Protein backbone atom coordinates (compact mmCIF):
# COMPACT_ATOMS: atom_id res chain seq x y z
CA MET A 1 131.49 99.28 113.82
CA THR A 2 130.13 97.54 110.73
CA ASP A 3 126.59 97.92 112.08
CA LYS A 4 126.96 101.69 111.98
CA LEU A 5 128.25 101.54 108.42
CA ASP A 6 125.35 99.30 107.40
CA ILE A 7 122.89 101.84 108.78
CA LEU A 8 124.55 104.61 106.79
CA SER A 9 124.53 102.62 103.58
CA GLN A 10 120.89 101.67 104.06
CA ASN A 11 119.88 105.30 104.63
CA ALA A 12 122.01 106.84 101.86
CA PRO A 13 119.20 106.90 99.25
CA PHE A 14 116.85 108.51 101.77
CA LEU A 15 119.39 111.20 102.65
CA MET A 16 120.25 111.88 99.00
CA ASP A 17 116.61 112.16 97.95
CA SER A 18 115.23 114.07 100.91
CA PHE A 19 117.93 116.74 100.94
CA ASN A 20 118.52 116.66 97.15
CA LEU A 21 122.23 116.09 97.65
CA GLY A 22 122.79 113.90 94.62
CA PRO A 23 123.91 116.58 92.15
CA MET A 24 125.67 118.62 94.82
CA ILE A 25 128.11 115.92 95.94
CA GLY A 26 130.47 116.76 93.08
CA VAL A 27 130.36 120.46 93.95
CA PHE A 28 131.10 119.72 97.61
CA MET A 29 134.00 117.47 96.67
CA ALA A 30 135.47 120.09 94.32
CA LEU A 31 135.16 122.80 97.00
CA SER A 32 136.81 120.52 99.54
CA LEU A 33 139.76 119.84 97.23
CA VAL A 34 140.21 123.53 96.39
CA ASP A 35 139.99 124.44 100.08
CA ALA A 36 142.59 121.83 101.02
CA ALA A 37 144.95 122.96 98.27
CA LEU A 38 144.65 126.66 99.15
CA LYS A 39 145.00 125.96 102.85
CA GLY A 40 148.10 123.84 102.31
CA TRP A 41 149.69 126.47 100.06
CA ALA A 42 148.89 129.28 102.50
CA LEU A 43 150.22 127.31 105.48
CA TRP A 44 153.40 126.51 103.57
CA ARG A 45 153.93 130.14 102.60
CA ALA A 46 153.20 131.41 106.14
CA ALA A 47 155.72 128.95 107.55
CA ARG A 48 158.37 129.88 104.96
CA MET A 49 157.89 133.58 105.67
CA GLY A 50 157.89 133.07 109.46
CA LYS A 51 154.43 134.57 109.92
CA ILE A 52 153.29 132.70 113.02
CA TYR A 53 150.43 135.15 113.58
CA TRP A 54 148.99 134.17 110.20
CA TYR A 55 149.87 130.47 110.49
CA ILE A 56 147.73 129.76 113.54
CA PRO A 57 144.48 131.34 112.20
CA LEU A 58 145.04 129.69 108.82
CA LEU A 59 145.33 126.37 110.60
CA LEU A 60 142.25 126.83 112.78
CA VAL A 61 139.75 128.74 110.60
CA ASN A 62 137.74 126.88 107.97
CA SER A 63 136.48 129.36 105.39
CA ILE A 64 136.08 127.37 102.14
CA GLY A 65 139.34 128.77 100.83
CA ILE A 66 138.47 132.45 101.26
CA PHE A 67 140.87 133.20 104.14
CA PRO A 68 143.83 131.35 102.57
CA ALA A 69 143.19 133.07 99.23
CA ILE A 70 143.20 136.48 100.93
CA PHE A 71 146.47 135.65 102.68
CA LEU A 72 148.07 134.42 99.45
CA LEU A 73 147.02 137.55 97.57
CA MET A 74 148.17 139.87 100.37
CA THR A 75 151.61 138.29 100.70
CA ASN A 76 152.28 137.67 97.01
CA SER A 77 154.52 140.71 96.38
CA GLU A 78 156.34 140.31 99.72
CA TYR A 79 157.00 136.63 99.00
CA LYS A 80 158.33 137.39 95.52
CA LYS A 81 160.70 140.04 96.92
CA LYS A 82 161.88 137.69 99.66
CA LYS A 83 162.32 134.87 97.15
CA VAL A 84 164.42 136.99 94.77
CA VAL A 85 166.59 138.45 97.54
CA GLY A 86 167.05 135.16 99.38
CA THR A 87 167.79 132.85 96.45
CA THR A 88 171.33 132.14 97.62
CA SER A 89 170.45 131.51 101.27
CA VAL A 90 169.46 128.07 102.54
CA LEU A 91 166.67 127.94 105.11
């Protein structure tokens, strides 16, 4: 296992220079964090609203946060109405 890691660490400068990934690592990390946050929020909202037909595609499709953002925007008004009406109920 450590041999494989040594090979990766030895080749890291080559990969960074040949594909010019040095400056883009920060952008990729930021996109990954935003995608994870949006996906988690969308999955949580789909589960709370009982939308199993949205939950499964949200779980399986990787779209850099576009699909979860669309779901969150589409269900925003419905979630607010449900939240206001159901404030006294315990799920």
